[in-house]
Amino acid sequence: MKLSEILTVLEEMAPLSYAEDFDNVGLLVGQPEQEVSGILVCHDALESVIEEAVEKKCNLVVCFHPILFSGIKKITGKNYVERAILKAIKHDIAIYAVHTALDNHKKGVNKIFCNALGLTHTKILIPKTNYIKKLITYTIPENAEKLRNALFDSGAGKIGNYEDCSFNSQGIGTYLGGEDSSPQIGERFEFVENTEIKIEVTFEKHLQSKILKALFRNHAYEEVAYEIYSLDNLHQNIGLGMIGEFETPISETELLELTKTTMQCGGIRHSSFTGKEIKKVAVLGGSGSFAIKNAIAAGADAFLTADLKYHQFYEAEGKLLLADIGHFESERFTKNYIVDYLKEKITNFAIILSEENTNPVQYF
């Protein structure tokens, strides 16, 4: 199986356009045309994981964190990043990272986190901005249904839990064809007034090329009139963090005990107890201190994340319980999700969960 075929599946699971601008996701090492013998899924593509891939005859490593994050000018093996890259190249092993592309997915890192704790009625904590666009086009009534359905099939018209959403209005279009024109209605040099349907649909920006191809392929006119706008609307199904609820409220100590056991934490640092029962819980896998205010604004009784600094615990202000459960721990089950997804999409193929524990933090 070619790597390019697997890349398509990975990008369906976690579209690269979902990733944050600072991130480095996608294919980090390797060539799309190489044949893949097996896939090893891990949290961090360290040298020991590459050795595991060699041993298990896997020449594609799918990792959560990108081993190449910032630019490097030399690869001499002087640090853990360079050693891993050198070993991967030596053994013709490709490396692909998902990171914030999966962080921002509604079924990704934070949904996995919520599911592990048993939280329900979940929604994105910080919806993504500048991600929704609108297409407006005009066509004859006889072509409207075909064109609209083609746009839907290409991914347009999805709003929250609804699909095939559009707005359609009728009006009068005019045109005058020139010498090189081949008008659908009327003749060259003839001024035409004709009933037209205006079709409006929204779409996620990463689908623009696909949607425009569908538009041009299915439109009745020789020259397609269309407009594309960027919208300020929040995307409720893409973004960082998530907030959910327990069916029955629990105490703060019960929350910490549940989290410690479920996420296998070596220890949990937390802010002062508020004395309130815990019903609504916000989570953000990885470093999430920037989202404390968002968790408070969303009415969370507790916020579970990682990498909180000393003064950031004060930001709880007695309004919620802040808990730092550990970076690796908050993303613990992500690689299991990736394995399950790939096994469902790619059958009869070696997809292996790494046995390496790459958590750099140890507890005494």
Protein backbone atom coordinates (compact mmCIF):
# COMPACT_ATOMS: atom_id res chain seq x y z
CA MET A 1 0.00 0.00 0.00
CA LYS A 2 1.40 3.38 -0.96
CA LEU A 3 1.99 6.02 1.71
CA SER A 4 -0.09 8.49 -0.34
CA GLU A 5 -3.17 6.27 0.16
CA ILE A 6 -2.63 6.21 3.92
CA LEU A 7 -2.09 9.97 3.99
CA THR A 8 -5.61 10.40 2.59
CA VAL A 9 -7.04 8.38 5.49
CA LEU A 10 -4.98 10.26 8.08
CA GLU A 11 -6.11 13.62 6.70
CA GLU A 12 -9.73 12.49 6.86
CA MET A 13 -9.22 11.62 10.53
CA ALA A 14 -7.49 14.90 11.33
CA PRO A 15 -7.58 17.50 8.50
CA LEU A 16 -4.28 19.37 8.44
CA SER A 17 -6.17 22.63 8.00
CA TYR A 18 -7.57 22.14 11.53
CA ALA A 19 -4.08 22.53 13.01
CA GLU A 20 -2.92 25.69 14.75
CA ASP A 21 -0.65 28.00 12.76
CA PHE A 22 2.33 27.42 15.07
CA ASP A 23 2.19 23.65 14.65
CA ASN A 24 4.10 21.29 12.35
CA VAL A 25 1.77 18.50 11.31
CA GLY A 26 1.51 16.07 8.42
CA LEU A 27 4.29 14.11 6.72
CA LEU A 28 7.58 15.04 8.41
CA VAL A 29 9.86 12.35 6.96
CA GLY A 30 9.33 10.19 3.88
CA GLN A 31 7.94 10.30 0.36
CA PRO A 32 4.27 9.81 -0.60
CA GLU A 33 5.11 7.22 -3.28
CA GLN A 34 6.93 4.80 -0.98
CA GLU A 35 5.32 1.44 -0.19
CA VAL A 36 4.23 0.95 3.43
CA SER A 37 4.71 -2.45 5.07
CA GLY A 38 3.18 -1.61 8.43
CA ILE A 39 2.16 1.30 10.68
CA LEU A 40 3.35 1.89 14.24
CA VAL A 41 1.28 4.42 16.21
CA CYS A 42 2.90 6.25 19.12
CA HIS A 43 2.74 9.37 21.24
CA ASP A 44 6.26 10.66 20.49
CA ALA A 45 8.48 9.43 17.65
CA LEU A 46 11.64 9.06 19.74
CA GLU A 47 14.69 7.02 18.74
CA SER A 48 13.44 4.08 20.83
CA VAL A 49 10.13 4.14 18.93
CA ILE A 50 11.94 4.12 15.58
CA GLU A 51 13.90 1.09 16.81
CA GLU A 52 10.60 -0.54 17.75
CA ALA A 53 9.29 0.17 14.25
CA VAL A 54 12.35 -1.49 12.72
CA GLU A 55 11.91 -4.53 14.97
CA LYS A 56 8.21 -4.84 14.09
CA LYS A 57 8.78 -4.25 10.37
CA CYS A 58 6.78 -1.03 10.26
CA ASN A 59 8.07 1.68 7.94
CA LEU A 60 5.50 4.33 8.85
CA VAL A 61 5.35 5.86 12.31
CA VAL A 62 2.22 7.89 13.07
CA CYS A 63 2.85 10.05 16.12
CA PHE A 64 0.80 12.53 18.07
CA HIS A 65 3.52 15.08 18.87
CA PRO A 66 5.69 16.17 15.91
CA ILE A 67 9.30 15.17 16.50
CA LEU A 68 10.24 18.05 14.17
CA PHE A 69 8.64 21.10 15.69
CA SER A 70 10.96 24.04 15.04
CA GLY A 71 13.46 24.48 12.24
CA ILE A 72 16.82 22.73 12.35
CA LYS A 73 19.88 23.59 10.28
CA LYS A 74 21.95 20.46 10.85
CA ILE A 75 21.22 16.79 11.50
CA THR A 76 24.29 15.40 13.24
CA GLY A 77 22.72 13.33 16.00
CA LYS A 78 23.65 15.72 18.80
CA ASN A 79 20.17 15.64 20.42
CA TYR A 80 17.15 13.36 20.71
CA VAL A 81 15.35 14.96 17.77
CA GLU A 82 18.26 14.58 15.35
CA ARG A 83 18.96 11.01 16.49
CA ALA A 84 15.36 9.97 15.82
CA ILE A 85 15.34 11.60 12.38
CA LEU A 86 18.67 10.05 11.41
CA LYS A 87 17.51 6.58 12.42
CA ALA A 88 14.22 6.98 10.55
CA ILE A 89 16.01 8.05 7.35
CA LYS A 90 18.57 5.26 7.70
CA HIS A 91 15.81 2.64 7.82
CA ASP A 92 13.49 4.31 5.26
CA ILE A 93 10.84 4.96 7.91
CA ALA A 94 8.30 7.71 7.27
CA ILE A 95 6.99 9.86 10.14
CA TYR A 96 3.60 11.54 10.20
CA ALA A 97 2.31 13.79 13.04
CA VAL A 98 -1.28 14.81 13.83
CA HIS A 99 -1.01 16.99 16.99
CA THR A 100 -3.34 20.03 16.92
CA ALA A 101 -5.09 18.78 13.78
CA LEU A 102 -6.54 16.12 16.09
CA ASP A 103 -6.69 18.48 19.09
CA ASN A 104 -9.17 20.65 17.19
CA HIS A 105 -11.34 17.80 15.91
CA LYS A 106 -14.70 17.27 17.61
CA LYS A 107 -13.91 13.55 17.98
CA GLY A 108 -10.25 14.11 18.78
CA VAL A 109 -8.06 14.54 21.85
CA ASN A 110 -10.53 16.34 24.08
CA LYS A 111 -13.51 14.18 23.16
CA ILE A 112 -11.37 11.15 24.01
CA PHE A 113 -10.54 12.83 27.33
CA CYS A 114 -14.23 13.49 28.04
CA ASN A 115 -15.25 9.96 27.11
CA ALA A 116 -12.64 8.50 29.45
CA LEU A 117 -14.12 10.47 32.37
CA GLY A 118 -17.71 9.72 31.40
CA LEU A 119 -18.70 13.28 30.51
CA THR A 120 -21.77 13.76 28.33
CA HIS A 121 -23.42 16.65 26.41
CA THR A 122 -19.98 17.76 25.25
CA LYS A 123 -19.20 20.80 23.12
CA ILE A 124 -16.09 22.67 21.98
CA LEU A 125 -14.67 25.04 24.60
CA ILE A 126 -12.90 27.46 22.24
CA PRO A 127 -14.50 27.28 18.76
CA LYS A 128 -12.20 28.00 15.83
CA THR A 129 -12.51 31.38 14.12
CA ASN A 130 -11.91 32.42 10.49
CA TYR A 131 -12.67 28.95 9.23
CA ILE A 132 -16.10 29.24 7.62
CA LYS A 133 -16.63 30.59 4.10
CA LYS A 134 -19.72 31.24 2.01
CA LEU A 135 -20.22 30.51 -1.68
CA ILE A 136 -22.86 32.35 -3.70
CA THR A 137 -23.62 31.35 -7.27
CA TYR A 138 -26.39 31.81 -9.83
CA THR A 139 -27.87 29.32 -12.28
CA ILE A 140 -31.01 28.51 -14.28
CA PRO A 141 -33.85 26.73 -12.42
CA GLU A 142 -33.36 23.54 -14.48
CA ASN A 143 -29.78 23.25 -13.20
CA ALA A 144 -30.35 24.28 -9.57
CA GLU A 145 -31.04 20.89 -8.02
CA LYS A 146 -28.16 19.13 -9.77
CA LEU A 147 -25.73 21.91 -8.88
CA ARG A 148 -26.90 22.17 -5.27
CA ASN A 149 -26.57 18.40 -4.73
CA ALA A 150 -23.07 18.43 -6.23
CA LEU A 151 -22.05 21.18 -3.80
CA PHE A 152 -23.52 19.19 -0.90
CA ASP A 153 -21.63 16.06 -2.01
CA SER A 154 -18.37 18.03 -2.03
CA GLY A 155 -18.86 19.06 1.63
CA ALA A 156 -20.75 22.36 1.42
CA GLY A 157 -23.87 23.09 3.42
CA LYS A 158 -22.93 21.54 6.76
CA ILE A 159 -23.96 23.57 9.81
CA GLY A 160 -23.56 21.93 13.22
CA ASN A 161 -25.69 18.78 13.29
CA TYR A 162 -27.32 19.55 9.94
CA GLU A 163 -26.31 18.79 6.35
CA ASP A 164 -27.49 19.94 2.91
CA CYS A 165 -28.13 23.48 4.19
CA SER A 166 -28.58 26.23 1.61
CA PHE A 167 -30.56 29.37 0.89
CA ASN A 168 -32.17 29.77 -2.51
CA SER A 169 -33.82 32.83 -4.00
CA GLN A 170 -35.14 33.71 -7.45
CA GLY A 171 -34.26 36.73 -9.53
CA ILE A 172 -33.48 37.99 -13.01
CA GLY A 173 -30.02 37.56 -14.49
CA THR A 174 -28.78 39.40 -17.58
CA TYR A 175 -25.87 38.93 -19.96
CA LEU A 176 -24.67 39.78 -23.45
CA GLY A 177 -22.39 37.25 -25.14
CA GLY A 178 -19.45 38.33 -27.24
CA GLU A 179 -17.88 36.92 -30.39
CA ASP A 180 -16.17 33.98 -28.64
CA SER A 181 -19.09 33.11 -26.36
CA SER A 182 -21.27 29.99 -26.47
CA PRO A 183 -24.28 30.94 -24.34
CA GLN A 184 -26.53 28.26 -22.85
CA ILE A 185 -29.56 30.47 -23.49
CA GLY A 186 -29.77 32.97 -26.33
CA GLU A 187 -27.29 33.77 -29.09
CA ARG A 188 -24.04 35.68 -29.36
CA PHE A 189 -24.54 39.46 -29.35
CA GLU A 190 -28.06 38.94 -27.93
CA PHE A 191 -28.97 40.66 -24.66
CA VAL A 192 -30.59 37.99 -22.45
CA GLU A 193 -32.86 38.47 -19.45
CA ASN A 194 -33.51 35.16 -17.74
CA THR A 195 -34.91 33.76 -14.51
CA GLU A 196 -32.09 32.51 -12.27
CA ILE A 197 -31.77 30.84 -8.89
CA LYS A 198 -29.29 32.27 -6.42
CA ILE A 199 -27.75 29.49 -4.29
CA GLU A 200 -25.90 30.26 -1.04
CA VAL A 201 -23.96 27.65 0.95
CA THR A 202 -21.35 27.77 3.70
CA PHE A 203 -18.31 25.48 3.86
CA GLU A 204 -15.09 24.82 5.76
CA LYS A 205 -12.21 26.63 4.11
CA HIS A 206 -10.09 23.52 3.51
CA LEU A 207 -12.82 22.26 1.14
CA GLN A 208 -12.69 25.28 -1.18
CA SER A 209 -10.77 23.63 -4.03
CA LYS A 210 -13.04 20.56 -3.98
CA ILE A 211 -16.19 22.70 -3.90
CA LEU A 212 -15.06 24.91 -6.78
CA LYS A 213 -14.35 21.83 -8.89
CA ALA A 214 -17.89 20.61 -8.20
CA LEU A 215 -19.25 24.06 -9.04
CA PHE A 216 -17.51 24.28 -12.43
CA ARG A 217 -18.21 20.63 -13.31
CA ASN A 218 -21.95 20.84 -12.65
CA HIS A 219 -22.88 24.40 -13.59
CA ALA A 220 -24.96 24.91 -16.73
CA TYR A 221 -23.23 28.11 -17.87
CA GLU A 222 -20.07 28.50 -19.91
CA GLU A 223 -18.89 31.26 -17.58
CA VAL A 224 -19.72 30.59 -13.92
CA ALA A 225 -20.56 33.64 -11.81
CA TYR A 226 -19.76 33.06 -8.15
CA GLU A 227 -18.63 34.86 -5.00
CA ILE A 228 -16.72 33.58 -1.96
CA TYR A 229 -16.71 35.36 1.40
CA SER A 230 -14.84 34.67 4.62
CA LEU A 231 -17.19 34.73 7.61
CA ASP A 232 -16.59 35.78 11.20
CA ASN A 233 -18.83 32.99 12.52
CA LEU A 234 -17.36 30.58 15.08
CA HIS A 235 -17.14 26.95 14.00
CA GLN A 236 -18.91 25.06 16.78
CA ASN A 237 -17.45 21.67 15.79
CA ILE A 238 -13.78 22.63 15.42
CA GLY A 239 -11.64 24.11 18.18
CA LEU A 240 -9.56 23.61 21.29
CA GLY A 241 -10.77 22.09 24.53
CA MET A 242 -14.16 20.69 25.39
CA ILE A 243 -16.72 21.02 28.14
CA GLY A 244 -19.12 18.31 29.28
CA GLU A 245 -21.24 17.21 32.20
CA PHE A 246 -21.57 14.38 34.67
CA GLU A 247 -25.04 12.90 34.80
CA THR A 248 -24.82 13.12 38.59
CA PRO A 249 -22.66 15.76 40.33
CA ILE A 250 -19.64 14.52 42.29
CA SER A 251 -17.39 16.10 44.90
CA GLU A 252 -14.06 17.71 44.10
CA THR A 253 -12.11 14.87 45.73
CA GLU A 254 -14.16 12.33 43.78
CA LEU A 255 -13.30 14.15 40.56
CA LEU A 256 -9.59 14.09 41.36
CA GLU A 257 -9.71 10.43 42.36
CA LEU A 258 -11.59 9.53 39.17
CA THR A 259 -9.15 11.50 37.04
CA LYS A 260 -6.05 10.08 38.75
CA THR A 261 -7.26 6.51 38.30
CA THR A 262 -8.68 6.85 34.79
CA MET A 263 -5.86 8.89 33.28
CA GLN A 264 -3.20 7.01 35.31
CA CYS A 265 -1.70 10.16 36.78
CA GLY A 266 1.43 10.02 38.90
CA GLY A 267 0.05 13.00 40.82
CA ILE A 268 -2.32 15.93 40.35
CA ARG A 269 -1.57 19.53 41.26
CA HIS A 270 -4.70 21.56 41.87
CA SER A 271 -5.98 24.91 43.13
CA SER A 272 -7.83 25.38 46.41
CA PHE A 273 -11.11 23.52 46.74
CA THR A 274 -14.17 25.67 46.12
CA GLY A 275 -16.52 23.51 48.19
CA LYS A 276 -18.89 23.17 45.23
CA GLU A 277 -20.13 19.95 43.67
CA ILE A 278 -18.73 19.21 40.22
CA LYS A 279 -21.24 18.99 37.39
CA LYS A 280 -19.66 20.78 34.41
CA VAL A 281 -16.03 19.97 33.59
CA ALA A 282 -13.81 21.63 30.99
CA VAL A 283 -10.83 19.71 29.63
CA LEU A 284 -7.93 20.59 27.36
CA GLY A 285 -5.33 17.96 26.59
CA GLY A 286 -1.75 19.22 26.74
CA SER A 287 -0.77 22.77 27.72
CA GLY A 288 -4.02 24.60 28.44
CA SER A 289 -3.36 27.51 30.78
CA PHE A 290 -4.51 29.96 28.09
CA ALA A 291 -8.03 28.52 28.36
CA ILE A 292 -8.64 29.14 32.09
CA LYS A 293 -10.76 32.23 31.39
CA ASN A 294 -12.70 30.32 28.73
CA ALA A 295 -13.48 27.55 31.21
CA ILE A 296 -14.72 30.08 33.77
CA ALA A 297 -16.81 31.92 31.16
CA ALA A 298 -18.37 28.59 30.09
CA GLY A 299 -19.52 27.97 33.67
CA ALA A 300 -17.23 25.01 34.34
CA ASP A 301 -16.97 23.79 37.93
CA ALA A 302 -13.53 22.33 37.16
CA PHE A 303 -10.90 22.61 34.45
CA LEU A 304 -8.53 19.70 33.79
CA THR A 305 -5.42 20.40 31.72
CA ALA A 306 -1.61 20.38 32.05
CA ASP A 307 1.55 22.48 32.37
CA LEU A 308 0.09 25.11 34.71
CA LYS A 309 2.58 27.53 36.26
CA TYR A 310 2.59 28.69 39.88
CA HIS A 311 0.73 31.97 39.42
CA GLN A 312 -1.81 30.48 37.06
CA PHE A 313 -3.41 28.54 39.90
CA TYR A 314 -4.46 31.91 41.35
CA GLU A 315 -6.55 32.51 38.21
CA ALA A 316 -9.12 30.04 39.52
CA GLU A 317 -10.27 32.93 41.75
CA GLY A 318 -12.40 30.48 43.75
CA LYS A 319 -14.72 30.13 40.74
CA LEU A 320 -13.64 26.65 39.73
CA LEU A 321 -11.19 23.87 40.55
CA LEU A 322 -8.05 23.97 38.42
CA ALA A 323 -6.18 20.69 38.05
CA ASP A 324 -2.87 19.97 36.31
CA ILE A 325 -2.99 16.24 35.61
CA GLY A 326 0.18 16.01 33.50
CA HIS A 327 0.77 16.63 29.79
CA PHE A 328 1.22 13.03 28.68
CA GLU A 329 -1.57 11.85 30.97
CA SER A 330 -4.12 14.28 29.51
CA GLU A 331 -3.44 12.87 26.02
CA ARG A 332 -2.90 9.30 27.13
CA PHE A 333 -5.54 7.54 25.04
CA THR A 334 -5.00 9.48 21.82
CA LYS A 335 -2.77 6.85 20.21
CA ASN A 336 -5.37 4.17 20.99
CA TYR A 337 -7.95 6.23 19.10
CA ILE A 338 -5.64 6.57 16.10
CA VAL A 339 -5.03 2.81 15.99
CA ASP A 340 -8.75 2.05 16.19
CA TYR A 341 -9.53 4.57 13.45
CA LEU A 342 -6.87 3.23 11.09
CA LYS A 343 -7.89 -0.39 11.67
CA GLU A 344 -11.46 0.49 10.76
CA LYS A 345 -10.45 2.33 7.59
CA ILE A 346 -7.54 0.11 6.48
CA THR A 347 -8.35 -3.56 6.90
CA ASN A 348 -5.98 -6.53 6.51
CA PHE A 349 -2.96 -4.36 7.22
CA ALA A 350 -0.45 -4.27 10.06
CA ILE A 351 -1.37 -1.38 12.38
CA ILE A 352 0.40 -1.66 15.73
CA LEU A 353 0.15 0.31 18.97
CA SER A 354 3.60 1.23 20.25
CA GLU A 355 4.61 -0.33 23.56
CA GLU A 356 7.09 2.45 24.31
CA ASN A 357 6.21 4.80 27.16
CA THR A 358 7.54 8.13 25.92
CA ASN A 359 6.40 10.23 28.90
CA PRO A 360 9.49 12.28 29.86
CA VAL A 361 8.07 13.13 33.31
CA GLN A 362 8.64 10.66 36.11
CA TYR A 363 7.20 10.71 39.64
CA PHE A 364 9.05 9.84 42.85
